Amino acid sequence: MRLLIIGNSGSGKTTLARRIAADLGVAPVSMDSVAFAEGTQRRSVRESVAALQALWHDRAHGVIEGCYADIAEALLPACDRLLFLNPGVARCVAHCRQRPWEPDKFASAAEQDAHLDALIEWVRAYPERKDEYGLARHRALFDTFAGDKRELRRPEDYAVIADGIAQENGRRLRGRSACHRLG
């Protein structure tokens, strides 16, 4: 299964991606890891998409998460399932305030805390933004995706989805083992 998770910052994408990826036995991939060249300079969408497609090439399972609709849109044709995390701005802000230090993004917890007010302002603008990070673009991606998709509005439901994917994956793996024994 190739799973794509989109949503606002603080919606729970990274946490859910890590859980599902662990159940699938793969490393989750954040779009952040390919979206930027150096500092705050964005790579071209084409470069970012090529890097992510290379990660999915010849792999049965993959989990990619992020808020970049321009990158996600290009990945949809190779995607089996789309999760749109949309718990509301207040919940996203609360998650940002509770977020542990992310050493892959910031040199220290103090540096991360120094960026918190700007992040919260950005998260609060989600419903009005018309760029690739906004609700309108995420909604359009979700609405046009013809495959298996779910919009999750309550973080309490994330575990249900993750458990379902894990059970699905377990059945698939058990089925393959039985086929190998029969062959």
N, C-alpha and C. Protein backbone atom coordinates (compact mmCIF):
# COMPACT_ATOMS: atom_id res chain seq x y z
N MET A 1 0.83 -1.18 0.00
CA MET A 1 0.00 0.00 0.00
C MET A 1 0.87 1.25 0.00
N ARG A 2 0.52 2.16 -0.83
CA ARG A 2 1.20 3.47 -0.87
C ARG A 2 0.20 4.50 -0.34
N LEU A 3 0.53 5.02 0.82
CA LEU A 3 -0.38 5.91 1.55
C LEU A 3 0.17 7.32 1.56
N LEU A 4 -0.72 8.27 1.30
CA LEU A 4 -0.39 9.68 1.34
C LEU A 4 -1.26 10.33 2.41
N ILE A 5 -0.65 11.11 3.31
CA ILE A 5 -1.37 11.79 4.38
C ILE A 5 -1.15 13.29 4.21
N ILE A 6 -2.25 14.05 4.11
CA ILE A 6 -2.17 15.50 3.97
C ILE A 6 -2.96 16.16 5.10
N GLY A 7 -2.65 17.43 5.34
CA GLY A 7 -3.37 18.20 6.34
C GLY A 7 -2.55 19.39 6.81
N ASN A 8 -3.15 20.19 7.65
CA ASN A 8 -2.52 21.39 8.20
C ASN A 8 -1.37 20.99 9.12
N SER A 9 -0.46 21.91 9.35
CA SER A 9 0.57 21.68 10.37
C SER A 9 -0.13 21.49 11.71
N GLY A 10 0.35 20.53 12.48
CA GLY A 10 -0.25 20.25 13.77
C GLY A 10 -1.45 19.33 13.72
N SER A 11 -1.82 18.86 12.53
CA SER A 11 -3.00 17.99 12.43
C SER A 11 -2.73 16.57 12.90
N GLY A 12 -1.45 16.18 12.99
CA GLY A 12 -1.10 14.84 13.44
C GLY A 12 -0.54 13.95 12.34
N LYS A 13 -0.19 14.54 11.20
CA LYS A 13 0.31 13.77 10.06
C LYS A 13 1.54 12.95 10.39
N THR A 14 2.52 13.58 11.00
CA THR A 14 3.79 12.90 11.29
C THR A 14 3.59 11.76 12.27
N THR A 15 2.84 12.00 13.32
CA THR A 15 2.59 10.97 14.33
C THR A 15 1.86 9.77 13.72
N LEU A 16 0.82 10.04 12.94
CA LEU A 16 0.07 8.96 12.31
C LEU A 16 0.94 8.23 11.28
N ALA A 17 1.70 8.97 10.49
CA ALA A 17 2.57 8.34 9.49
C ALA A 17 3.59 7.42 10.15
N ARG A 18 4.16 7.85 11.26
CA ARG A 18 5.12 7.01 11.97
C ARG A 18 4.48 5.71 12.46
N ARG A 19 3.28 5.82 12.99
CA ARG A 19 2.61 4.63 13.51
C ARG A 19 2.29 3.64 12.38
N ILE A 20 1.71 4.13 11.30
CA ILE A 20 1.34 3.26 10.19
C ILE A 20 2.58 2.67 9.53
N ALA A 21 3.60 3.49 9.33
CA ALA A 21 4.83 3.02 8.70
C ALA A 21 5.48 1.92 9.53
N ALA A 22 5.47 2.08 10.85
CA ALA A 22 6.04 1.05 11.72
C ALA A 22 5.29 -0.27 11.55
N ASP A 23 3.97 -0.19 11.45
CA ASP A 23 3.17 -1.40 11.24
C ASP A 23 3.45 -2.05 9.88
N LEU A 24 3.79 -1.23 8.90
CA LEU A 24 4.08 -1.74 7.55
C LEU A 24 5.53 -2.17 7.40
N GLY A 25 6.36 -1.80 8.37
CA GLY A 25 7.78 -2.14 8.30
C GLY A 25 8.57 -1.27 7.35
N VAL A 26 8.15 -0.02 7.21
CA VAL A 26 8.86 0.93 6.35
C VAL A 26 9.14 2.21 7.14
N ALA A 27 10.01 3.03 6.61
CA ALA A 27 10.27 4.34 7.23
C ALA A 27 9.30 5.35 6.63
N PRO A 28 8.64 6.16 7.47
CA PRO A 28 7.78 7.20 6.91
C PRO A 28 8.63 8.29 6.28
N VAL A 29 8.04 8.99 5.33
CA VAL A 29 8.76 10.06 4.65
C VAL A 29 7.95 11.35 4.77
N SER A 30 8.60 12.39 5.23
CA SER A 30 7.98 13.70 5.31
C SER A 30 8.30 14.48 4.04
N MET A 31 7.29 15.12 3.48
CA MET A 31 7.53 15.97 2.31
C MET A 31 8.53 17.07 2.64
N ASP A 32 8.60 17.47 3.91
CA ASP A 32 9.59 18.49 4.31
C ASP A 32 11.00 18.08 3.91
N SER A 33 11.27 16.78 3.95
CA SER A 33 12.64 16.30 3.69
C SER A 33 13.07 16.50 2.24
N VAL A 34 12.12 16.69 1.34
CA VAL A 34 12.47 16.89 -0.08
C VAL A 34 12.01 18.24 -0.62
N ALA A 35 11.25 18.99 0.15
CA ALA A 35 10.69 20.24 -0.35
C ALA A 35 11.67 21.41 -0.34
N PHE A 36 12.69 21.31 0.49
CA PHE A 36 13.61 22.43 0.62
C PHE A 36 15.03 22.05 0.25
N ALA A 37 15.71 22.96 -0.45
CA ALA A 37 17.11 22.75 -0.82
C ALA A 37 17.98 23.11 0.37
N GLU A 38 18.08 24.37 0.66
CA GLU A 38 18.88 24.84 1.80
C GLU A 38 18.09 25.94 2.50
N GLY A 39 18.02 25.85 3.80
CA GLY A 39 17.29 26.87 4.55
C GLY A 39 15.82 26.88 4.18
N THR A 40 15.31 28.05 3.83
CA THR A 40 13.90 28.19 3.49
C THR A 40 13.66 28.23 1.98
N GLN A 41 14.66 27.92 1.19
CA GLN A 41 14.55 27.93 -0.27
C GLN A 41 13.88 26.64 -0.76
N ARG A 42 12.69 26.77 -1.35
CA ARG A 42 11.98 25.59 -1.86
C ARG A 42 12.66 25.06 -3.11
N ARG A 43 12.74 23.75 -3.19
CA ARG A 43 13.15 23.08 -4.43
C ARG A 43 12.00 23.19 -5.41
N SER A 44 12.27 22.91 -6.65
CA SER A 44 11.16 22.89 -7.61
C SER A 44 10.26 21.71 -7.25
N VAL A 45 9.00 21.84 -7.57
CA VAL A 45 8.05 20.77 -7.32
C VAL A 45 8.51 19.52 -8.07
N ARG A 46 9.01 19.70 -9.27
CA ARG A 46 9.47 18.57 -10.07
C ARG A 46 10.58 17.79 -9.36
N GLU A 47 11.54 18.50 -8.78
CA GLU A 47 12.63 17.84 -8.04
C GLU A 47 12.10 17.10 -6.81
N SER A 48 11.19 17.75 -6.09
CA SER A 48 10.63 17.14 -4.89
C SER A 48 9.85 15.88 -5.23
N VAL A 49 9.03 15.96 -6.27
CA VAL A 49 8.23 14.81 -6.68
C VAL A 49 9.13 13.67 -7.15
N ALA A 50 10.15 13.98 -7.92
CA ALA A 50 11.08 12.95 -8.41
C ALA A 50 11.74 12.21 -7.24
N ALA A 51 12.12 12.96 -6.21
CA ALA A 51 12.75 12.34 -5.03
C ALA A 51 11.79 11.40 -4.33
N LEU A 52 10.53 11.79 -4.21
CA LEU A 52 9.54 10.94 -3.54
C LEU A 52 9.16 9.75 -4.40
N GLN A 53 9.02 9.96 -5.69
CA GLN A 53 8.70 8.84 -6.57
C GLN A 53 9.81 7.80 -6.55
N ALA A 54 11.04 8.24 -6.44
CA ALA A 54 12.17 7.31 -6.36
C ALA A 54 12.06 6.45 -5.10
N LEU A 55 11.54 7.03 -4.02
CA LEU A 55 11.36 6.27 -2.79
C LEU A 55 10.28 5.20 -2.93
N TRP A 56 9.26 5.48 -3.75
CA TRP A 56 8.17 4.54 -3.94
C TRP A 56 8.47 3.50 -5.02
N HIS A 57 9.42 3.79 -5.89
CA HIS A 57 9.72 2.90 -7.00
C HIS A 57 10.09 1.51 -6.49
N ASP A 58 9.45 0.49 -7.03
CA ASP A 58 9.72 -0.91 -6.68
C ASP A 58 9.45 -1.25 -5.22
N ARG A 59 8.60 -0.49 -4.55
CA ARG A 59 8.25 -0.81 -3.17
C ARG A 59 6.75 -1.05 -3.07
N ALA A 60 6.39 -2.08 -2.36
CA ALA A 60 4.97 -2.40 -2.19
C ALA A 60 4.30 -1.46 -1.19
N HIS A 61 5.08 -0.98 -0.21
CA HIS A 61 4.51 -0.13 0.84
C HIS A 61 5.29 1.17 0.96
N GLY A 62 4.58 2.23 1.30
CA GLY A 62 5.22 3.51 1.56
C GLY A 62 4.22 4.44 2.22
N VAL A 63 4.73 5.31 3.07
CA VAL A 63 3.89 6.30 3.75
C VAL A 63 4.58 7.65 3.61
N ILE A 64 3.90 8.58 2.96
CA ILE A 64 4.42 9.94 2.77
C ILE A 64 3.41 10.89 3.38
N GLU A 65 3.92 11.87 4.12
CA GLU A 65 3.04 12.86 4.75
C GLU A 65 3.55 14.26 4.52
N GLY A 66 2.61 15.21 4.47
CA GLY A 66 3.01 16.60 4.33
C GLY A 66 1.83 17.51 4.05
N CYS A 67 2.13 18.79 3.96
CA CYS A 67 1.09 19.79 3.73
C CYS A 67 1.22 20.45 2.35
N TYR A 68 2.07 19.91 1.49
CA TYR A 68 2.35 20.51 0.19
C TYR A 68 1.41 19.93 -0.87
N ALA A 69 0.33 20.62 -1.17
CA ALA A 69 -0.63 20.12 -2.15
C ALA A 69 -0.02 20.00 -3.54
N ASP A 70 0.93 20.87 -3.86
CA ASP A 70 1.54 20.81 -5.19
C ASP A 70 2.36 19.53 -5.36
N ILE A 71 3.01 19.08 -4.32
CA ILE A 71 3.76 17.82 -4.37
C ILE A 71 2.78 16.64 -4.30
N ALA A 72 1.83 16.70 -3.38
CA ALA A 72 0.87 15.61 -3.19
C ALA A 72 0.09 15.34 -4.48
N GLU A 73 -0.30 16.39 -5.16
CA GLU A 73 -1.08 16.22 -6.39
C GLU A 73 -0.34 15.36 -7.42
N ALA A 74 0.95 15.57 -7.54
CA ALA A 74 1.74 14.79 -8.49
C ALA A 74 1.92 13.35 -8.05
N LEU A 75 1.80 13.07 -6.75
CA LEU A 75 1.96 11.71 -6.23
C LEU A 75 0.66 10.90 -6.27
N LEU A 76 -0.47 11.56 -6.39
CA LEU A 76 -1.76 10.87 -6.32
C LEU A 76 -1.90 9.70 -7.30
N PRO A 77 -1.41 9.80 -8.54
CA PRO A 77 -1.58 8.66 -9.45
C PRO A 77 -0.91 7.37 -8.96
N ALA A 78 0.13 7.49 -8.15
CA ALA A 78 0.83 6.30 -7.63
C ALA A 78 0.35 5.92 -6.23
N CYS A 79 -0.64 6.62 -5.74
CA CYS A 79 -1.12 6.46 -4.37
C CYS A 79 -2.30 5.49 -4.33
N ASP A 80 -2.30 4.59 -3.34
CA ASP A 80 -3.42 3.66 -3.15
C ASP A 80 -4.47 4.20 -2.19
N ARG A 81 -4.02 5.03 -1.24
CA ARG A 81 -4.91 5.51 -0.20
C ARG A 81 -4.50 6.92 0.19
N LEU A 82 -5.50 7.76 0.45
CA LEU A 82 -5.28 9.14 0.86
C LEU A 82 -6.01 9.39 2.17
N LEU A 83 -5.27 9.92 3.14
CA LEU A 83 -5.87 10.35 4.40
C LEU A 83 -5.73 11.86 4.50
N PHE A 84 -6.84 12.54 4.73
CA PHE A 84 -6.87 13.99 4.90
C PHE A 84 -7.20 14.25 6.37
N LEU A 85 -6.20 14.70 7.12
CA LEU A 85 -6.39 14.99 8.54
C LEU A 85 -6.86 16.44 8.66
N ASN A 86 -8.06 16.61 9.17
CA ASN A 86 -8.69 17.92 9.23
C ASN A 86 -9.41 18.11 10.57
N PRO A 87 -8.63 18.15 11.68
CA PRO A 87 -9.26 18.22 13.00
C PRO A 87 -9.68 19.63 13.44
N GLY A 88 -9.48 20.62 12.59
CA GLY A 88 -9.81 21.99 12.93
C GLY A 88 -8.59 22.75 13.42
N VAL A 89 -8.62 24.04 13.22
CA VAL A 89 -7.48 24.89 13.54
C VAL A 89 -7.15 24.88 15.03
N ALA A 90 -8.16 24.93 15.89
CA ALA A 90 -7.89 24.97 17.34
C ALA A 90 -7.12 23.73 17.79
N ARG A 91 -7.50 22.57 17.27
CA ARG A 91 -6.81 21.34 17.64
C ARG A 91 -5.38 21.36 17.09
N CYS A 92 -5.19 21.86 15.87
CA CYS A 92 -3.85 21.95 15.28
C CYS A 92 -2.95 22.87 16.09
N VAL A 93 -3.49 24.00 16.54
CA VAL A 93 -2.72 24.92 17.37
C VAL A 93 -2.33 24.23 18.68
N ALA A 94 -3.27 23.54 19.29
CA ALA A 94 -2.97 22.82 20.54
C ALA A 94 -1.87 21.80 20.33
N HIS A 95 -1.93 21.07 19.21
CA HIS A 95 -0.87 20.09 18.91
C HIS A 95 0.48 20.76 18.73
N CYS A 96 0.50 21.91 18.07
CA CYS A 96 1.77 22.64 17.88
C CYS A 96 2.36 23.05 19.22
N ARG A 97 1.51 23.49 20.13
CA ARG A 97 1.99 23.89 21.46
C ARG A 97 2.54 22.70 22.25
N GLN A 98 2.03 21.49 21.98
CA GLN A 98 2.46 20.28 22.69
C GLN A 98 3.58 19.54 21.96
N ARG A 99 3.94 19.99 20.79
CA ARG A 99 4.91 19.29 19.96
C ARG A 99 6.27 19.18 20.65
N PRO A 100 6.81 17.97 20.72
CA PRO A 100 8.16 17.83 21.30
C PRO A 100 9.20 18.41 20.35
N TRP A 101 10.37 18.62 20.86
CA TRP A 101 11.48 19.14 20.06
C TRP A 101 11.73 18.22 18.87
N GLU A 102 11.88 18.82 17.70
CA GLU A 102 12.15 18.08 16.47
C GLU A 102 13.59 18.33 16.04
N PRO A 103 14.51 17.48 16.48
CA PRO A 103 15.93 17.72 16.19
C PRO A 103 16.28 17.67 14.71
N ASP A 104 15.42 17.06 13.89
CA ASP A 104 15.68 17.04 12.46
C ASP A 104 15.36 18.38 11.80
N LYS A 105 14.66 19.26 12.52
CA LYS A 105 14.29 20.56 11.97
C LYS A 105 14.95 21.73 12.69
N PHE A 106 15.26 21.56 13.98
CA PHE A 106 15.80 22.65 14.78
C PHE A 106 17.01 22.18 15.58
N ALA A 107 18.00 23.06 15.72
CA ALA A 107 19.22 22.73 16.44
C ALA A 107 18.98 22.54 17.94
N SER A 108 17.94 23.17 18.46
CA SER A 108 17.63 23.04 19.89
C SER A 108 16.14 23.25 20.13
N ALA A 109 15.69 22.84 21.30
CA ALA A 109 14.30 23.07 21.68
C ALA A 109 14.02 24.57 21.78
N ALA A 110 15.01 25.33 22.25
CA ALA A 110 14.86 26.79 22.36
C ALA A 110 14.66 27.41 20.98
N GLU A 111 15.40 26.94 19.99
CA GLU A 111 15.24 27.46 18.62
C GLU A 111 13.84 27.14 18.10
N GLN A 112 13.37 25.92 18.36
CA GLN A 112 12.01 25.54 17.94
C GLN A 112 10.98 26.43 18.63
N ASP A 113 11.14 26.64 19.92
CA ASP A 113 10.21 27.49 20.67
C ASP A 113 10.20 28.92 20.14
N ALA A 114 11.34 29.39 19.67
CA ALA A 114 11.42 30.75 19.12
C ALA A 114 10.58 30.90 17.84
N HIS A 115 10.31 29.80 17.16
CA HIS A 115 9.52 29.83 15.93
C HIS A 115 8.04 29.50 16.17
N LEU A 116 7.67 29.20 17.41
CA LEU A 116 6.32 28.74 17.70
C LEU A 116 5.24 29.77 17.37
N ASP A 117 5.43 31.03 17.72
CA ASP A 117 4.41 32.05 17.44
C ASP A 117 4.16 32.18 15.94
N ALA A 118 5.22 32.15 15.14
CA ALA A 118 5.06 32.24 13.68
C ALA A 118 4.33 31.00 13.15
N LEU A 119 4.66 29.83 13.69
CA LEU A 119 3.99 28.61 13.26
C LEU A 119 2.50 28.67 13.58
N ILE A 120 2.17 29.12 14.77
CA ILE A 120 0.76 29.19 15.17
C ILE A 120 0.00 30.18 14.30
N GLU A 121 0.61 31.30 13.98
CA GLU A 121 -0.02 32.27 13.08
C GLU A 121 -0.28 31.62 11.72
N TRP A 122 0.69 30.87 11.23
CA TRP A 122 0.57 30.19 9.94
C TRP A 122 -0.54 29.14 9.99
N VAL A 123 -0.61 28.36 11.06
CA VAL A 123 -1.63 27.33 11.23
C VAL A 123 -3.01 27.96 11.26
N ARG A 124 -3.15 29.08 11.94
CA ARG A 124 -4.45 29.75 12.04
C ARG A 124 -4.95 30.27 10.70
N ALA A 125 -4.04 30.54 9.77
CA ALA A 125 -4.42 31.05 8.45
C ALA A 125 -4.89 29.95 7.50
N TYR A 126 -4.82 28.70 7.92
CA TYR A 126 -5.15 27.55 7.06
C TYR A 126 -6.47 27.68 6.31
N PRO A 127 -7.57 28.05 6.97
CA PRO A 127 -8.85 28.11 6.25
C PRO A 127 -8.89 29.17 5.14
N GLU A 128 -8.10 30.24 5.27
CA GLU A 128 -8.14 31.33 4.30
C GLU A 128 -7.07 31.25 3.22
N ARG A 129 -6.02 30.50 3.46
CA ARG A 129 -4.91 30.44 2.51
C ARG A 129 -5.35 29.84 1.19
N LYS A 130 -4.87 30.42 0.09
CA LYS A 130 -5.20 29.92 -1.25
C LYS A 130 -4.01 29.23 -1.89
N ASP A 131 -2.90 29.11 -1.17
CA ASP A 131 -1.69 28.48 -1.71
C ASP A 131 -1.74 26.96 -1.51
N GLU A 132 -0.66 26.28 -1.83
CA GLU A 132 -0.61 24.81 -1.73
C GLU A 132 -0.69 24.28 -0.31
N TYR A 133 -0.61 25.16 0.68
CA TYR A 133 -0.66 24.74 2.08
C TYR A 133 -2.04 24.91 2.71
N GLY A 134 -2.98 25.45 1.97
CA GLY A 134 -4.27 25.81 2.54
C GLY A 134 -5.35 24.76 2.43
N LEU A 135 -6.40 24.97 3.20
CA LEU A 135 -7.54 24.06 3.25
C LEU A 135 -8.17 23.87 1.87
N ALA A 136 -8.32 24.94 1.10
CA ALA A 136 -8.96 24.82 -0.21
C ALA A 136 -8.22 23.85 -1.11
N ARG A 137 -6.91 23.92 -1.14
CA ARG A 137 -6.12 23.00 -1.98
C ARG A 137 -6.18 21.57 -1.45
N HIS A 138 -6.12 21.40 -0.14
CA HIS A 138 -6.22 20.06 0.43
C HIS A 138 -7.60 19.46 0.15
N ARG A 139 -8.64 20.26 0.30
CA ARG A 139 -10.01 19.80 0.02
C ARG A 139 -10.13 19.39 -1.45
N ALA A 140 -9.58 20.19 -2.36
CA ALA A 140 -9.65 19.86 -3.79
C ALA A 140 -8.94 18.55 -4.09
N LEU A 141 -7.77 18.34 -3.50
CA LEU A 141 -7.05 17.07 -3.70
C LEU A 141 -7.90 15.90 -3.22
N PHE A 142 -8.45 16.04 -2.04
CA PHE A 142 -9.26 14.98 -1.46
C PHE A 142 -10.48 14.70 -2.35
N ASP A 143 -11.17 15.75 -2.75
CA ASP A 143 -12.40 15.58 -3.53
C ASP A 143 -12.15 14.95 -4.89
N THR A 144 -11.00 15.22 -5.49
CA THR A 144 -10.73 14.69 -6.84
C THR A 144 -10.09 13.30 -6.82
N PHE A 145 -9.57 12.86 -5.68
CA PHE A 145 -8.92 11.55 -5.62
C PHE A 145 -9.99 10.46 -5.73
N ALA A 146 -9.84 9.58 -6.71
CA ALA A 146 -10.85 8.55 -6.95
C ALA A 146 -10.59 7.27 -6.16
N GLY A 147 -9.45 7.14 -5.52
CA GLY A 147 -9.11 5.92 -4.79
C GLY A 147 -9.68 5.90 -3.39
N ASP A 148 -9.17 4.99 -2.58
CA ASP A 148 -9.58 4.83 -1.19
C ASP A 148 -9.14 6.05 -0.41
N LYS A 149 -10.07 6.75 0.20
CA LYS A 149 -9.74 7.98 0.91
C LYS A 149 -10.61 8.13 2.14
N ARG A 150 -10.04 8.84 3.12
CA ARG A 150 -10.78 9.13 4.36
C ARG A 150 -10.39 10.53 4.81
N GLU A 151 -11.40 11.30 5.22
CA GLU A 151 -11.15 12.56 5.89
C GLU A 151 -11.38 12.31 7.37
N LEU A 152 -10.37 12.61 8.16
CA LEU A 152 -10.46 12.38 9.60
C LEU A 152 -10.51 13.73 10.31
N ARG A 153 -11.58 13.95 11.06
CA ARG A 153 -11.76 15.22 11.76
C ARG A 153 -11.48 15.11 13.25
N ARG A 154 -11.34 13.89 13.74
CA ARG A 154 -11.08 13.70 15.17
C ARG A 154 -9.82 12.87 15.35
N PRO A 155 -8.81 13.42 16.04
CA PRO A 155 -7.59 12.63 16.27
C PRO A 155 -7.86 11.29 16.95
N GLU A 156 -8.97 11.20 17.67
CA GLU A 156 -9.33 9.93 18.31
C GLU A 156 -9.55 8.84 17.26
N ASP A 157 -9.92 9.23 16.05
CA ASP A 157 -10.17 8.26 14.98
C ASP A 157 -8.89 7.81 14.28
N TYR A 158 -7.79 8.52 14.48
CA TYR A 158 -6.54 8.16 13.80
C TYR A 158 -6.10 6.75 14.18
N ALA A 159 -6.22 6.41 15.46
CA ALA A 159 -5.80 5.08 15.92
C ALA A 159 -6.66 3.99 15.28
N VAL A 160 -7.93 4.27 15.07
CA VAL A 160 -8.82 3.29 14.44
C VAL A 160 -8.34 3.01 13.02
N ILE A 161 -8.00 4.07 12.29
CA ILE A 161 -7.50 3.91 10.92
C ILE A 161 -6.18 3.15 10.94
N ALA A 162 -5.27 3.54 11.82
CA ALA A 162 -3.96 2.88 11.90
C ALA A 162 -4.13 1.39 12.24
N ASP A 163 -5.01 1.08 13.18
CA ASP A 163 -5.25 -0.32 13.55
C ASP A 163 -5.82 -1.10 12.36
N GLY A 164 -6.73 -0.47 11.62
CA GLY A 164 -7.32 -1.13 10.45
C GLY A 164 -6.28 -1.42 9.38
N ILE A 165 -5.39 -0.48 9.15
CA ILE A 165 -4.32 -0.69 8.16
C ILE A 165 -3.38 -1.80 8.63
N ALA A 166 -3.07 -1.82 9.92
CA ALA A 166 -2.20 -2.87 10.46
C ALA A 166 -2.85 -4.24 10.30
N GLN A 167 -4.14 -4.33 10.58
CA GLN A 167 -4.84 -5.61 10.43
C GLN A 167 -4.88 -6.03 8.96
N GLU A 168 -5.16 -5.08 8.09
CA GLU A 168 -5.17 -5.33 6.65
C GLU A 168 -3.81 -5.87 6.20
N ASN A 169 -2.78 -5.20 6.63
CA ASN A 169 -1.41 -5.60 6.27
C ASN A 169 -1.09 -6.99 6.81
N GLY A 170 -1.52 -7.28 8.03
CA GLY A 170 -1.29 -8.60 8.61
C GLY A 170 -1.96 -9.69 7.80
N ARG A 171 -3.20 -9.43 7.35
CA ARG A 171 -3.91 -10.41 6.51
C ARG A 171 -3.17 -10.62 5.20
N ARG A 172 -2.69 -9.53 4.62
CA ARG A 172 -1.97 -9.61 3.35
C ARG A 172 -0.70 -10.43 3.50
N LEU A 173 0.04 -10.18 4.58
CA LEU A 173 1.28 -10.91 4.81
C LEU A 173 1.01 -12.38 5.09
N ARG A 174 -0.02 -12.68 5.89
CA ARG A 174 -0.37 -14.07 6.17
C ARG A 174 -0.78 -14.78 4.90
N GLY A 175 -1.52 -14.08 4.02
CA GLY A 175 -1.94 -14.66 2.75
C GLY A 175 -0.76 -14.99 1.87
N ARG A 176 0.23 -14.11 1.84
CA ARG A 176 1.44 -14.37 1.04
C ARG A 176 2.20 -15.57 1.59
N SER A 177 2.27 -15.67 2.91
CA SER A 177 2.98 -16.80 3.53
C SER A 177 2.30 -18.11 3.15
N ALA A 178 0.97 -18.12 3.17
CA ALA A 178 0.23 -19.33 2.81
C ALA A 178 0.48 -19.67 1.35
N CYS A 179 0.51 -18.68 0.48
CA CYS A 179 0.78 -18.93 -0.94
C CYS A 179 2.18 -19.49 -1.13
N HIS A 180 3.13 -18.96 -0.40
CA HIS A 180 4.50 -19.46 -0.52
C HIS A 180 4.59 -20.92 -0.05
N ARG A 181 3.84 -21.24 1.00
CA ARG A 181 3.87 -22.62 1.49
C ARG A 181 3.22 -23.57 0.47
N LEU A 182 2.17 -23.07 -0.21
CA LEU A 182 1.49 -23.91 -1.19
C LEU A 182 2.32 -24.07 -2.45
N GLY A 183 3.09 -23.05 -2.80
CA GLY A 183 3.88 -23.06 -4.04
C GLY A 183 5.03 -23.97 -3.90
